[in-house]
Amino acid sequence: MIETQHLSKLYSRGLYALRDLTINVAKGEFVFLTGPSGAGKSTLLRLLLLQERPSEGEIFVNGHNLATLSRSDIQEYRRGIGFIFQDFKLIPTRTVLENVSFVPEVLGVPAAQQKRRAFQVLKWVGLQHRMNALPQDLSGGEQQRVAIARALASEPVLLLADEPTGNLDPDLSLEIMNLLREVNAGGTTVLVATHDRELIRLVGRRTITLDGGHMVEVA
């Protein structure tokens, strides 16, 4: 599903966020990406989303070389990716249902289908009873479940998560990871960036460790 070959990302003054990174994530796999702050975890996710371009090397996702995608190809590519942020990034003036419907709306899905899909994923994460609430009325755990529902609304083949439990307590963190394991069990490839080693130990999935932009361990 994901393959990088000698991937590097160079910022100003010779600072490498990633350097000569070669990794593989198989289709349908659940993988943790870990390492200290500044290790390159978020940079790799941004490159996978095509929010940034690599300085050197290549990225292949689901058989596609990201460097060769046209503008229309990029739009289609992003439709197959769900993304979960640490700080949720919910729209404060929209209800839970409207937040989850937002991605299908942007993708041009018909309105009736938007709402139907949004309700389905909200039901799956156990929040259909909160669909008319605003984000400010939800707990942190509920907001993250809405963020997961939003990421799943486009039925992605790949789910990326950047520190998705960073603002949650240990019990809620494990609850969110269990949801992601269920997503993975349905066939979606899941890549989670986290610095929480205890959570990784509890969940027990393959782990790629970065440090200073290099891969230092695969466990």
N, C-alpha and C. Protein backbone atom coordinates (compact mmCIF):
# COMPACT_ATOMS: atom_id res chain seq x y z
N MET A 1 0.83 -1.22 0.00
CA MET A 1 0.00 0.00 0.00
C MET A 1 0.86 1.26 0.00
N ILE A 2 1.87 1.31 0.90
CA ILE A 2 2.78 2.45 0.96
C ILE A 2 4.21 1.94 0.79
N GLU A 3 4.94 2.58 -0.10
CA GLU A 3 6.36 2.26 -0.27
C GLU A 3 7.11 3.57 -0.52
N THR A 4 8.13 3.81 0.28
CA THR A 4 9.01 4.95 0.03
C THR A 4 10.40 4.42 -0.32
N GLN A 5 11.06 5.09 -1.24
CA GLN A 5 12.40 4.68 -1.68
C GLN A 5 13.35 5.86 -1.56
N HIS A 6 14.29 5.74 -0.62
CA HIS A 6 15.33 6.76 -0.41
C HIS A 6 14.72 8.16 -0.31
N LEU A 7 13.69 8.26 0.51
CA LEU A 7 12.92 9.50 0.63
C LEU A 7 13.62 10.50 1.55
N SER A 8 13.76 11.73 1.06
CA SER A 8 14.34 12.79 1.87
C SER A 8 13.51 14.06 1.73
N LYS A 9 13.43 14.81 2.82
CA LYS A 9 12.79 16.12 2.80
C LYS A 9 13.73 17.11 3.46
N LEU A 10 14.21 18.06 2.66
CA LEU A 10 15.17 19.05 3.13
C LEU A 10 14.47 20.39 3.28
N TYR A 11 14.61 20.99 4.48
CA TYR A 11 14.11 22.34 4.70
C TYR A 11 15.29 23.32 4.64
N SER A 12 15.10 24.52 5.10
CA SER A 12 16.13 25.56 4.97
C SER A 12 17.37 25.24 5.82
N ARG A 13 18.48 25.82 5.42
CA ARG A 13 19.76 25.75 6.14
C ARG A 13 20.22 24.30 6.36
N GLY A 14 19.95 23.46 5.39
CA GLY A 14 20.46 22.09 5.44
C GLY A 14 19.80 21.20 6.46
N LEU A 15 18.59 21.58 6.93
CA LEU A 15 17.89 20.78 7.94
C LEU A 15 17.02 19.73 7.25
N TYR A 16 17.34 18.48 7.48
CA TYR A 16 16.57 17.38 6.93
C TYR A 16 15.50 16.94 7.94
N ALA A 17 14.23 16.93 7.50
CA ALA A 17 13.16 16.35 8.31
C ALA A 17 13.11 14.84 8.11
N LEU A 18 13.42 14.39 6.88
CA LEU A 18 13.55 12.97 6.56
C LEU A 18 14.80 12.81 5.72
N ARG A 19 15.48 11.67 5.91
CA ARG A 19 16.70 11.46 5.14
C ARG A 19 16.87 9.99 4.77
N ASP A 20 16.82 9.72 3.46
CA ASP A 20 17.07 8.38 2.90
C ASP A 20 16.16 7.33 3.55
N LEU A 21 14.86 7.65 3.60
CA LEU A 21 13.90 6.77 4.28
C LEU A 21 13.28 5.78 3.29
N THR A 22 13.45 4.50 3.56
CA THR A 22 12.83 3.45 2.76
C THR A 22 11.99 2.57 3.67
N ILE A 23 10.67 2.61 3.47
CA ILE A 23 9.77 1.80 4.30
C ILE A 23 8.70 1.17 3.42
N ASN A 24 8.04 0.15 3.95
CA ASN A 24 6.93 -0.51 3.27
C ASN A 24 5.81 -0.78 4.26
N VAL A 25 4.60 -0.47 3.86
CA VAL A 25 3.40 -0.81 4.62
C VAL A 25 2.49 -1.60 3.69
N ALA A 26 2.16 -2.81 4.06
CA ALA A 26 1.36 -3.67 3.19
C ALA A 26 -0.11 -3.27 3.21
N LYS A 27 -0.80 -3.61 2.14
CA LYS A 27 -2.24 -3.36 2.06
C LYS A 27 -2.95 -4.10 3.19
N GLY A 28 -3.82 -3.38 3.90
CA GLY A 28 -4.57 -3.99 4.99
C GLY A 28 -3.83 -4.07 6.30
N GLU A 29 -2.63 -3.50 6.37
CA GLU A 29 -1.82 -3.55 7.59
C GLU A 29 -2.16 -2.39 8.51
N PHE A 30 -1.92 -2.58 9.81
CA PHE A 30 -2.01 -1.53 10.82
C PHE A 30 -0.60 -1.32 11.34
N VAL A 31 -0.05 -0.12 11.14
CA VAL A 31 1.34 0.16 11.51
C VAL A 31 1.41 1.44 12.34
N PHE A 32 2.24 1.38 13.39
CA PHE A 32 2.55 2.59 14.16
C PHE A 32 3.83 3.21 13.62
N LEU A 33 3.85 4.54 13.62
CA LEU A 33 5.03 5.33 13.28
C LEU A 33 5.37 6.13 14.52
N THR A 34 6.55 5.88 15.09
CA THR A 34 6.86 6.53 16.35
C THR A 34 8.26 7.12 16.32
N GLY A 35 8.60 7.81 17.41
CA GLY A 35 9.88 8.49 17.53
C GLY A 35 9.69 9.79 18.28
N PRO A 36 10.77 10.43 18.71
CA PRO A 36 10.67 11.68 19.47
C PRO A 36 10.16 12.83 18.61
N SER A 37 9.81 13.94 19.26
CA SER A 37 9.40 15.14 18.53
C SER A 37 10.51 15.54 17.57
N GLY A 38 10.12 15.88 16.33
CA GLY A 38 11.11 16.25 15.33
C GLY A 38 11.73 15.08 14.60
N ALA A 39 11.21 13.87 14.84
CA ALA A 39 11.79 12.68 14.20
C ALA A 39 11.43 12.59 12.73
N GLY A 40 10.33 13.26 12.32
CA GLY A 40 9.92 13.22 10.92
C GLY A 40 8.58 12.57 10.68
N LYS A 41 7.87 12.23 11.75
CA LYS A 41 6.59 11.52 11.63
C LYS A 41 5.56 12.35 10.86
N SER A 42 5.33 13.57 11.31
CA SER A 42 4.32 14.42 10.68
C SER A 42 4.73 14.80 9.26
N THR A 43 6.03 14.98 9.04
CA THR A 43 6.50 15.29 7.68
C THR A 43 6.14 14.16 6.73
N LEU A 44 6.35 12.92 7.15
CA LEU A 44 6.02 11.78 6.29
C LEU A 44 4.53 11.77 5.97
N LEU A 45 3.68 12.05 6.95
CA LEU A 45 2.24 12.06 6.70
C LEU A 45 1.88 13.17 5.72
N ARG A 46 2.50 14.34 5.85
CA ARG A 46 2.22 15.44 4.92
C ARG A 46 2.64 15.08 3.50
N LEU A 47 3.74 14.37 3.36
CA LEU A 47 4.18 13.92 2.04
C LEU A 47 3.20 12.91 1.45
N LEU A 48 2.68 12.02 2.29
CA LEU A 48 1.71 11.04 1.81
C LEU A 48 0.41 11.71 1.38
N LEU A 49 0.07 12.83 2.01
CA LEU A 49 -1.14 13.59 1.65
C LEU A 49 -0.92 14.53 0.47
N LEU A 50 0.34 14.62 0.04
CA LEU A 50 0.73 15.56 -1.02
C LEU A 50 0.51 17.01 -0.61
N GLN A 51 0.61 17.27 0.69
CA GLN A 51 0.63 18.64 1.17
C GLN A 51 2.01 19.26 0.94
N GLU A 52 3.01 18.41 0.86
CA GLU A 52 4.37 18.81 0.54
C GLU A 52 4.96 17.80 -0.44
N ARG A 53 6.06 18.19 -1.06
CA ARG A 53 6.75 17.32 -2.00
C ARG A 53 8.12 16.95 -1.45
N PRO A 54 8.58 15.73 -1.73
CA PRO A 54 9.91 15.34 -1.24
C PRO A 54 11.02 16.08 -1.97
N SER A 55 12.16 16.20 -1.31
CA SER A 55 13.34 16.78 -1.94
C SER A 55 14.05 15.73 -2.80
N GLU A 56 14.02 14.49 -2.34
CA GLU A 56 14.63 13.39 -3.06
C GLU A 56 13.81 12.13 -2.80
N GLY A 57 13.97 11.14 -3.69
CA GLY A 57 13.33 9.86 -3.49
C GLY A 57 11.93 9.80 -4.05
N GLU A 58 11.28 8.66 -3.86
CA GLU A 58 9.97 8.41 -4.44
C GLU A 58 9.01 7.83 -3.39
N ILE A 59 7.71 8.10 -3.63
CA ILE A 59 6.64 7.56 -2.80
C ILE A 59 5.64 6.87 -3.71
N PHE A 60 5.31 5.64 -3.38
CA PHE A 60 4.27 4.89 -4.08
C PHE A 60 3.17 4.56 -3.09
N VAL A 61 1.94 4.85 -3.47
CA VAL A 61 0.77 4.52 -2.63
C VAL A 61 -0.25 3.81 -3.51
N ASN A 62 -0.59 2.61 -3.09
CA ASN A 62 -1.58 1.82 -3.82
C ASN A 62 -1.20 1.68 -5.31
N GLY A 63 0.10 1.54 -5.56
CA GLY A 63 0.57 1.34 -6.92
C GLY A 63 0.83 2.60 -7.71
N HIS A 64 0.55 3.77 -7.14
CA HIS A 64 0.72 5.04 -7.85
C HIS A 64 1.99 5.76 -7.40
N ASN A 65 2.78 6.20 -8.34
CA ASN A 65 3.93 7.04 -8.04
C ASN A 65 3.41 8.47 -7.84
N LEU A 66 3.51 8.99 -6.61
CA LEU A 66 2.90 10.29 -6.31
C LEU A 66 3.53 11.43 -7.11
N ALA A 67 4.76 11.25 -7.55
CA ALA A 67 5.43 12.31 -8.29
C ALA A 67 4.85 12.50 -9.69
N THR A 68 4.14 11.50 -10.20
CA THR A 68 3.64 11.55 -11.58
C THR A 68 2.16 11.90 -11.67
N LEU A 69 1.50 12.15 -10.53
CA LEU A 69 0.06 12.41 -10.55
C LEU A 69 -0.23 13.80 -11.10
N SER A 70 -1.22 13.89 -11.99
CA SER A 70 -1.69 15.19 -12.47
C SER A 70 -2.59 15.82 -11.42
N ARG A 71 -3.00 17.06 -11.64
CA ARG A 71 -3.87 17.76 -10.67
C ARG A 71 -5.17 17.00 -10.45
N SER A 72 -5.78 16.52 -11.52
CA SER A 72 -7.03 15.76 -11.38
C SER A 72 -6.76 14.41 -10.71
N ASP A 73 -5.60 13.81 -10.99
CA ASP A 73 -5.24 12.55 -10.34
C ASP A 73 -5.05 12.75 -8.83
N ILE A 74 -4.48 13.89 -8.45
CA ILE A 74 -4.26 14.17 -7.03
C ILE A 74 -5.59 14.26 -6.30
N GLN A 75 -6.58 14.91 -6.89
CA GLN A 75 -7.90 15.01 -6.28
C GLN A 75 -8.51 13.63 -6.07
N GLU A 76 -8.39 12.79 -7.09
CA GLU A 76 -8.92 11.43 -6.98
C GLU A 76 -8.15 10.62 -5.94
N TYR A 77 -6.84 10.80 -5.91
CA TYR A 77 -5.99 10.10 -4.93
C TYR A 77 -6.41 10.46 -3.50
N ARG A 78 -6.63 11.76 -3.25
CA ARG A 78 -6.97 12.18 -1.89
C ARG A 78 -8.34 11.68 -1.46
N ARG A 79 -9.21 11.37 -2.40
CA ARG A 79 -10.51 10.81 -2.04
C ARG A 79 -10.38 9.46 -1.35
N GLY A 80 -9.29 8.78 -1.62
CA GLY A 80 -9.08 7.46 -1.04
C GLY A 80 -8.33 7.47 0.28
N ILE A 81 -8.07 8.68 0.81
CA ILE A 81 -7.31 8.79 2.05
C ILE A 81 -8.14 9.51 3.11
N GLY A 82 -8.20 8.93 4.30
CA GLY A 82 -8.79 9.60 5.45
C GLY A 82 -7.68 10.09 6.36
N PHE A 83 -7.90 11.25 7.00
CA PHE A 83 -6.86 11.81 7.86
C PHE A 83 -7.48 12.25 9.18
N ILE A 84 -6.80 11.87 10.28
CA ILE A 84 -7.26 12.22 11.62
C ILE A 84 -6.19 13.08 12.28
N PHE A 85 -6.61 14.25 12.79
CA PHE A 85 -5.69 15.20 13.41
C PHE A 85 -5.71 15.05 14.93
N GLN A 86 -4.61 15.46 15.56
CA GLN A 86 -4.55 15.44 17.01
C GLN A 86 -5.56 16.41 17.63
N ASP A 87 -5.70 17.59 17.02
CA ASP A 87 -6.57 18.62 17.59
C ASP A 87 -7.95 18.66 16.92
N PHE A 88 -8.35 17.52 16.34
CA PHE A 88 -9.69 17.27 15.80
C PHE A 88 -10.03 18.09 14.55
N LYS A 89 -9.80 19.42 14.60
CA LYS A 89 -10.09 20.32 13.47
C LYS A 89 -11.55 20.22 13.01
N LEU A 90 -12.46 20.17 13.96
CA LEU A 90 -13.88 20.21 13.63
C LEU A 90 -14.30 21.66 13.39
N ILE A 91 -15.30 21.84 12.54
CA ILE A 91 -15.80 23.19 12.24
C ILE A 91 -16.76 23.60 13.36
N PRO A 92 -16.42 24.62 14.15
CA PRO A 92 -17.18 24.92 15.36
C PRO A 92 -18.63 25.35 15.11
N THR A 93 -18.91 25.92 13.93
CA THR A 93 -20.27 26.42 13.65
C THR A 93 -21.16 25.37 12.99
N ARG A 94 -20.63 24.17 12.75
CA ARG A 94 -21.42 23.11 12.12
C ARG A 94 -21.71 22.01 13.13
N THR A 95 -22.86 21.39 12.98
CA THR A 95 -23.23 20.29 13.87
C THR A 95 -22.34 19.08 13.59
N VAL A 96 -22.44 18.10 14.46
CA VAL A 96 -21.70 16.86 14.29
C VAL A 96 -22.00 16.23 12.92
N LEU A 97 -23.28 16.14 12.58
CA LEU A 97 -23.66 15.55 11.29
C LEU A 97 -23.08 16.36 10.13
N GLU A 98 -23.13 17.69 10.24
CA GLU A 98 -22.61 18.55 9.17
C GLU A 98 -21.09 18.43 9.05
N ASN A 99 -20.40 18.27 10.19
CA ASN A 99 -18.95 18.08 10.15
C ASN A 99 -18.59 16.80 9.42
N VAL A 100 -19.31 15.73 9.71
CA VAL A 100 -19.01 14.44 9.08
C VAL A 100 -19.42 14.46 7.61
N SER A 101 -20.46 15.22 7.27
CA SER A 101 -20.91 15.33 5.88
C SER A 101 -19.99 16.20 5.04
N PHE A 102 -19.10 16.94 5.70
CA PHE A 102 -18.30 17.93 4.99
C PHE A 102 -17.41 17.32 3.91
N VAL A 103 -16.75 16.21 4.21
CA VAL A 103 -15.85 15.59 3.22
C VAL A 103 -16.63 15.10 2.00
N PRO A 104 -17.72 14.34 2.17
CA PRO A 104 -18.50 13.96 0.99
C PRO A 104 -19.02 15.18 0.21
N GLU A 105 -19.34 16.25 0.94
CA GLU A 105 -19.81 17.48 0.28
C GLU A 105 -18.73 18.05 -0.63
N VAL A 106 -17.50 18.13 -0.11
CA VAL A 106 -16.38 18.65 -0.90
C VAL A 106 -16.10 17.75 -2.11
N LEU A 107 -16.32 16.45 -1.92
CA LEU A 107 -16.06 15.50 -3.00
C LEU A 107 -17.19 15.45 -4.03
N GLY A 108 -18.25 16.23 -3.80
CA GLY A 108 -19.33 16.32 -4.77
C GLY A 108 -20.35 15.21 -4.67
N VAL A 109 -20.42 14.53 -3.54
CA VAL A 109 -21.43 13.48 -3.35
C VAL A 109 -22.80 14.14 -3.21
N PRO A 110 -23.86 13.59 -3.82
CA PRO A 110 -25.21 14.16 -3.69
C PRO A 110 -25.63 14.32 -2.23
N ALA A 111 -26.39 15.37 -1.95
CA ALA A 111 -26.72 15.76 -0.57
C ALA A 111 -27.35 14.62 0.23
N ALA A 112 -28.31 13.92 -0.36
CA ALA A 112 -28.99 12.83 0.36
C ALA A 112 -28.00 11.74 0.73
N GLN A 113 -27.08 11.46 -0.16
CA GLN A 113 -26.07 10.42 0.09
C GLN A 113 -25.07 10.88 1.15
N GLN A 114 -24.76 12.19 1.14
CA GLN A 114 -23.88 12.75 2.17
C GLN A 114 -24.43 12.46 3.56
N LYS A 115 -25.69 12.82 3.76
CA LYS A 115 -26.30 12.66 5.08
C LYS A 115 -26.42 11.19 5.47
N ARG A 116 -26.75 10.36 4.49
CA ARG A 116 -26.90 8.93 4.78
C ARG A 116 -25.57 8.32 5.21
N ARG A 117 -24.52 8.64 4.48
CA ARG A 117 -23.20 8.10 4.82
C ARG A 117 -22.74 8.66 6.16
N ALA A 118 -22.95 9.95 6.41
CA ALA A 118 -22.54 10.56 7.67
C ALA A 118 -23.25 9.90 8.84
N PHE A 119 -24.54 9.64 8.71
CA PHE A 119 -25.28 9.00 9.79
C PHE A 119 -24.75 7.58 10.02
N GLN A 120 -24.43 6.88 8.96
CA GLN A 120 -23.91 5.51 9.08
C GLN A 120 -22.62 5.46 9.89
N VAL A 121 -21.69 6.35 9.58
CA VAL A 121 -20.41 6.31 10.29
C VAL A 121 -20.56 6.85 11.72
N LEU A 122 -21.46 7.80 11.93
CA LEU A 122 -21.71 8.26 13.29
C LEU A 122 -22.31 7.14 14.14
N LYS A 123 -23.18 6.36 13.54
CA LYS A 123 -23.75 5.22 14.25
C LYS A 123 -22.66 4.21 14.58
N TRP A 124 -21.75 4.02 13.65
CA TRP A 124 -20.68 3.05 13.86
C TRP A 124 -19.78 3.47 15.03
N VAL A 125 -19.50 4.79 15.18
CA VAL A 125 -18.66 5.24 16.30
C VAL A 125 -19.49 5.54 17.55
N GLY A 126 -20.80 5.26 17.50
CA GLY A 126 -21.66 5.40 18.67
C GLY A 126 -22.07 6.81 19.00
N LEU A 127 -22.17 7.68 18.00
CA LEU A 127 -22.51 9.09 18.27
C LEU A 127 -23.70 9.59 17.46
N GLN A 128 -24.52 8.67 16.96
CA GLN A 128 -25.67 9.12 16.17
C GLN A 128 -26.63 9.96 17.01
N HIS A 129 -26.66 9.73 18.33
CA HIS A 129 -27.54 10.50 19.21
C HIS A 129 -27.04 11.92 19.45
N ARG A 130 -25.82 12.22 19.01
CA ARG A 130 -25.25 13.55 19.19
C ARG A 130 -25.13 14.30 17.86
N MET A 131 -25.81 13.82 16.83
CA MET A 131 -25.59 14.36 15.49
C MET A 131 -25.98 15.83 15.36
N ASN A 132 -26.86 16.34 16.20
CA ASN A 132 -27.27 17.74 16.11
C ASN A 132 -26.51 18.65 17.07
N ALA A 133 -25.56 18.09 17.82
CA ALA A 133 -24.77 18.88 18.76
C ALA A 133 -23.66 19.62 18.02
N LEU A 134 -23.19 20.70 18.64
CA LEU A 134 -22.02 21.41 18.13
C LEU A 134 -20.77 20.85 18.80
N PRO A 135 -19.61 20.96 18.15
CA PRO A 135 -18.38 20.41 18.73
C PRO A 135 -18.11 20.88 20.16
N GLN A 136 -18.43 22.13 20.47
CA GLN A 136 -18.15 22.66 21.81
C GLN A 136 -18.94 21.95 22.90
N ASP A 137 -20.01 21.26 22.50
CA ASP A 137 -20.84 20.55 23.48
C ASP A 137 -20.38 19.11 23.71
N LEU A 138 -19.30 18.70 23.06
CA LEU A 138 -18.82 17.33 23.16
C LEU A 138 -17.58 17.24 24.04
N SER A 139 -17.37 16.06 24.61
CA SER A 139 -16.12 15.80 25.34
C SER A 139 -14.99 15.60 24.34
N GLY A 140 -13.75 15.57 24.84
CA GLY A 140 -12.61 15.35 23.97
C GLY A 140 -12.69 14.01 23.24
N GLY A 141 -13.09 12.97 23.97
CA GLY A 141 -13.22 11.66 23.35
C GLY A 141 -14.29 11.63 22.27
N GLU A 142 -15.40 12.33 22.53
CA GLU A 142 -16.47 12.40 21.53
C GLU A 142 -16.02 13.17 20.30
N GLN A 143 -15.29 14.26 20.51
CA GLN A 143 -14.79 15.03 19.37
C GLN A 143 -13.86 14.19 18.50
N GLN A 144 -13.01 13.38 19.14
CA GLN A 144 -12.11 12.55 18.35
C GLN A 144 -12.87 11.47 17.59
N ARG A 145 -13.93 10.94 18.18
CA ARG A 145 -14.75 9.96 17.46
C ARG A 145 -15.46 10.60 16.27
N VAL A 146 -15.87 11.86 16.42
CA VAL A 146 -16.45 12.58 15.27
C VAL A 146 -15.38 12.74 14.19
N ALA A 147 -14.15 13.06 14.61
CA ALA A 147 -13.06 13.22 13.64
C ALA A 147 -12.79 11.91 12.91
N ILE A 148 -12.89 10.79 13.61
CA ILE A 148 -12.72 9.48 12.96
C ILE A 148 -13.86 9.24 11.98
N ALA A 149 -15.08 9.54 12.41
CA ALA A 149 -16.24 9.37 11.52
C ALA A 149 -16.07 10.21 10.26
N ARG A 150 -15.61 11.44 10.41
CA ARG A 150 -15.39 12.32 9.25
C ARG A 150 -14.35 11.71 8.31
N ALA A 151 -13.27 11.16 8.88
CA ALA A 151 -12.22 10.56 8.06
C ALA A 151 -12.73 9.34 7.31
N LEU A 152 -13.73 8.65 7.86
CA LEU A 152 -14.26 7.44 7.23
C LEU A 152 -15.40 7.72 6.27
N ALA A 153 -15.88 8.96 6.25
CA ALA A 153 -17.07 9.28 5.45
C ALA A 153 -16.83 9.08 3.96
N SER A 154 -15.57 9.19 3.52
CA SER A 154 -15.26 9.01 2.10
C SER A 154 -14.89 7.57 1.76
N GLU A 155 -15.05 6.67 2.73
CA GLU A 155 -14.73 5.25 2.57
C GLU A 155 -13.29 5.06 2.06
N PRO A 156 -12.30 5.56 2.81
CA PRO A 156 -10.92 5.53 2.33
C PRO A 156 -10.31 4.13 2.35
N VAL A 157 -9.34 3.93 1.47
CA VAL A 157 -8.58 2.67 1.49
C VAL A 157 -7.38 2.80 2.42
N LEU A 158 -7.00 4.05 2.73
CA LEU A 158 -5.86 4.33 3.60
C LEU A 158 -6.27 5.38 4.62
N LEU A 159 -6.01 5.09 5.90
CA LEU A 159 -6.32 6.02 6.98
C LEU A 159 -5.02 6.43 7.66
N LEU A 160 -4.75 7.74 7.69
CA LEU A 160 -3.56 8.29 8.34
C LEU A 160 -4.01 9.05 9.59
N ALA A 161 -3.28 8.88 10.67
CA ALA A 161 -3.63 9.55 11.92
C ALA A 161 -2.38 10.14 12.54
N ASP A 162 -2.41 11.45 12.83
CA ASP A 162 -1.26 12.15 13.40
C ASP A 162 -1.52 12.44 14.87
N GLU A 163 -0.90 11.66 15.75
CA GLU A 163 -1.09 11.79 17.20
C GLU A 163 -2.58 11.86 17.56
N PRO A 164 -3.38 10.90 17.15
CA PRO A 164 -4.84 11.01 17.35
C PRO A 164 -5.29 10.92 18.80
N THR A 165 -4.39 10.49 19.70
CA THR A 165 -4.78 10.38 21.11
C THR A 165 -3.97 11.33 21.98
N GLY A 166 -3.27 12.28 21.36
CA GLY A 166 -2.38 13.15 22.11
C GLY A 166 -3.07 14.00 23.16
N ASN A 167 -4.37 14.29 22.97
CA ASN A 167 -5.10 15.14 23.92
C ASN A 167 -6.05 14.35 24.81
N LEU A 168 -5.90 13.01 24.83
CA LEU A 168 -6.84 12.17 25.55
C LEU A 168 -6.15 11.42 26.69
N ASP A 169 -6.95 11.04 27.70
CA ASP A 169 -6.38 10.26 28.80
C ASP A 169 -6.18 8.81 28.34
N PRO A 170 -5.45 8.00 29.12
CA PRO A 170 -5.10 6.64 28.68
C PRO A 170 -6.30 5.76 28.32
N ASP A 171 -7.36 5.82 29.11
CA ASP A 171 -8.53 4.98 28.82
C ASP A 171 -9.17 5.37 27.49
N LEU A 172 -9.35 6.67 27.27
CA LEU A 172 -9.93 7.14 26.01
C LEU A 172 -9.00 6.85 24.83
N SER A 173 -7.71 6.95 25.09
CA SER A 173 -6.74 6.66 24.03
C SER A 173 -6.88 5.22 23.55
N LEU A 174 -7.03 4.30 24.48
CA LEU A 174 -7.18 2.89 24.12
C LEU A 174 -8.51 2.66 23.41
N GLU A 175 -9.54 3.39 23.83
CA GLU A 175 -10.85 3.29 23.17
C GLU A 175 -10.75 3.73 21.70
N ILE A 176 -10.03 4.83 21.47
CA ILE A 176 -9.85 5.31 20.10
C ILE A 176 -9.04 4.31 19.28
N MET A 177 -8.01 3.72 19.87
CA MET A 177 -7.21 2.73 19.16
C MET A 177 -8.03 1.49 18.82
N ASN A 178 -8.92 1.11 19.72
CA ASN A 178 -9.78 -0.04 19.43
C ASN A 178 -10.70 0.26 18.24
N LEU A 179 -11.17 1.51 18.13
CA LEU A 179 -11.96 1.90 16.96
C LEU A 179 -11.13 1.78 15.68
N LEU A 180 -9.88 2.24 15.76
CA LEU A 180 -9.02 2.16 14.58
C LEU A 180 -8.70 0.72 14.22
N ARG A 181 -8.60 -0.14 15.21
CA ARG A 181 -8.39 -1.56 14.91
C ARG A 181 -9.60 -2.16 14.20
N GLU A 182 -10.78 -1.71 14.58
CA GLU A 182 -11.99 -2.17 13.89
C GLU A 182 -12.02 -1.67 12.45
N VAL A 183 -11.60 -0.42 12.25
CA VAL A 183 -11.49 0.12 10.89
C VAL A 183 -10.55 -0.76 10.07
N ASN A 184 -9.41 -1.08 10.66
CA ASN A 184 -8.42 -1.91 9.99
C ASN A 184 -8.96 -3.32 9.69
N ALA A 185 -9.74 -3.86 10.62
CA ALA A 185 -10.31 -5.19 10.42
C ALA A 185 -11.25 -5.22 9.22
N GLY A 186 -11.80 -4.06 8.86
CA GLY A 186 -12.67 -3.97 7.69
C GLY A 186 -11.91 -3.87 6.39
N GLY A 187 -10.56 -3.86 6.44
CA GLY A 187 -9.76 -3.87 5.22
C GLY A 187 -9.00 -2.59 4.94
N THR A 188 -9.24 -1.54 5.74
CA THR A 188 -8.55 -0.27 5.52
C THR A 188 -7.13 -0.32 6.08
N THR A 189 -6.17 0.13 5.30
CA THR A 189 -4.79 0.23 5.78
C THR A 189 -4.70 1.42 6.73
N VAL A 190 -4.06 1.24 7.89
CA VAL A 190 -4.01 2.28 8.92
C VAL A 190 -2.55 2.56 9.30
N LEU A 191 -2.16 3.84 9.24
CA LEU A 191 -0.85 4.28 9.68
C LEU A 191 -1.04 5.35 10.74
N VAL A 192 -0.57 5.08 11.96
CA VAL A 192 -0.77 5.98 13.09
C VAL A 192 0.57 6.50 13.59
N ALA A 193 0.74 7.82 13.58
CA ALA A 193 1.92 8.44 14.16
C ALA A 193 1.65 8.77 15.62
N THR A 194 2.49 8.28 16.52
CA THR A 194 2.31 8.54 17.95
C THR A 194 3.64 8.41 18.67
N HIS A 195 3.79 9.15 19.75
CA HIS A 195 4.98 9.01 20.60
C HIS A 195 4.66 8.18 21.84
N ASP A 196 3.42 7.68 21.96
CA ASP A 196 2.96 6.98 23.16
C ASP A 196 3.37 5.50 23.09
N ARG A 197 4.50 5.19 23.68
CA ARG A 197 5.04 3.83 23.64
C ARG A 197 4.16 2.84 24.41
N GLU A 198 3.56 3.28 25.49
CA GLU A 198 2.70 2.38 26.27
C GLU A 198 1.47 1.99 25.46
N LEU A 199 0.91 2.93 24.73
CA LEU A 199 -0.24 2.63 23.88
C LEU A 199 0.15 1.65 22.78
N ILE A 200 1.31 1.85 22.19
CA ILE A 200 1.80 0.93 21.17
C ILE A 200 1.94 -0.48 21.75
N ARG A 201 2.47 -0.57 22.98
CA ARG A 201 2.64 -1.88 23.63
C ARG A 201 1.30 -2.56 23.84
N LEU A 202 0.30 -1.79 24.26
CA LEU A 202 -1.02 -2.36 24.54
C LEU A 202 -1.71 -2.84 23.27
N VAL A 203 -1.58 -2.07 22.20
CA VAL A 203 -2.26 -2.42 20.94
C VAL A 203 -1.53 -3.53 20.21
N GLY A 204 -0.19 -3.48 20.22
CA GLY A 204 0.59 -4.57 19.67
C GLY A 204 0.52 -4.72 18.17
N ARG A 205 1.03 -3.74 17.45
CA ARG A 205 1.11 -3.80 16.00
C ARG A 205 2.53 -3.46 15.55
N ARG A 206 2.85 -3.76 14.28
CA ARG A 206 4.19 -3.46 13.78
C ARG A 206 4.49 -1.97 13.95
N THR A 207 5.71 -1.68 14.35
CA THR A 207 6.09 -0.30 14.67
C THR A 207 7.35 0.09 13.92
N ILE A 208 7.29 1.25 13.24
CA ILE A 208 8.45 1.83 12.58
C ILE A 208 8.89 3.02 13.42
N THR A 209 10.14 3.00 13.86
CA THR A 209 10.66 4.08 14.70
C THR A 209 11.59 4.97 13.90
N LEU A 210 11.33 6.28 13.95
CA LEU A 210 12.17 7.28 13.29
C LEU A 210 12.93 8.07 14.35
N ASP A 211 14.11 8.55 13.97
CA ASP A 211 14.86 9.46 14.81
C ASP A 211 15.73 10.31 13.90
N GLY A 212 15.56 11.62 13.98
CA GLY A 212 16.33 12.52 13.14
C GLY A 212 16.10 12.31 11.67
N GLY A 213 14.89 11.86 11.32
CA GLY A 213 14.55 11.65 9.91
C GLY A 213 14.96 10.32 9.35
N HIS A 214 15.67 9.50 10.16
CA HIS A 214 16.10 8.18 9.72
C HIS A 214 15.22 7.10 10.37
N MET A 215 15.07 5.97 9.70
CA MET A 215 14.45 4.82 10.32
C MET A 215 15.51 4.13 11.18
N VAL A 216 15.21 3.96 12.47
CA VAL A 216 16.19 3.34 13.37
C VAL A 216 15.77 1.96 13.85
N GLU A 217 14.46 1.62 13.65
CA GLU A 217 14.00 0.33 14.14
C GLU A 217 12.67 -0.02 13.50
N VAL A 218 12.49 -1.31 13.22
CA VAL A 218 11.19 -1.86 12.85
C VAL A 218 10.94 -3.03 13.78
N ALA A 219 9.86 -2.96 14.55
CA ALA A 219 9.59 -4.00 15.55
C ALA A 219 8.19 -4.54 15.39
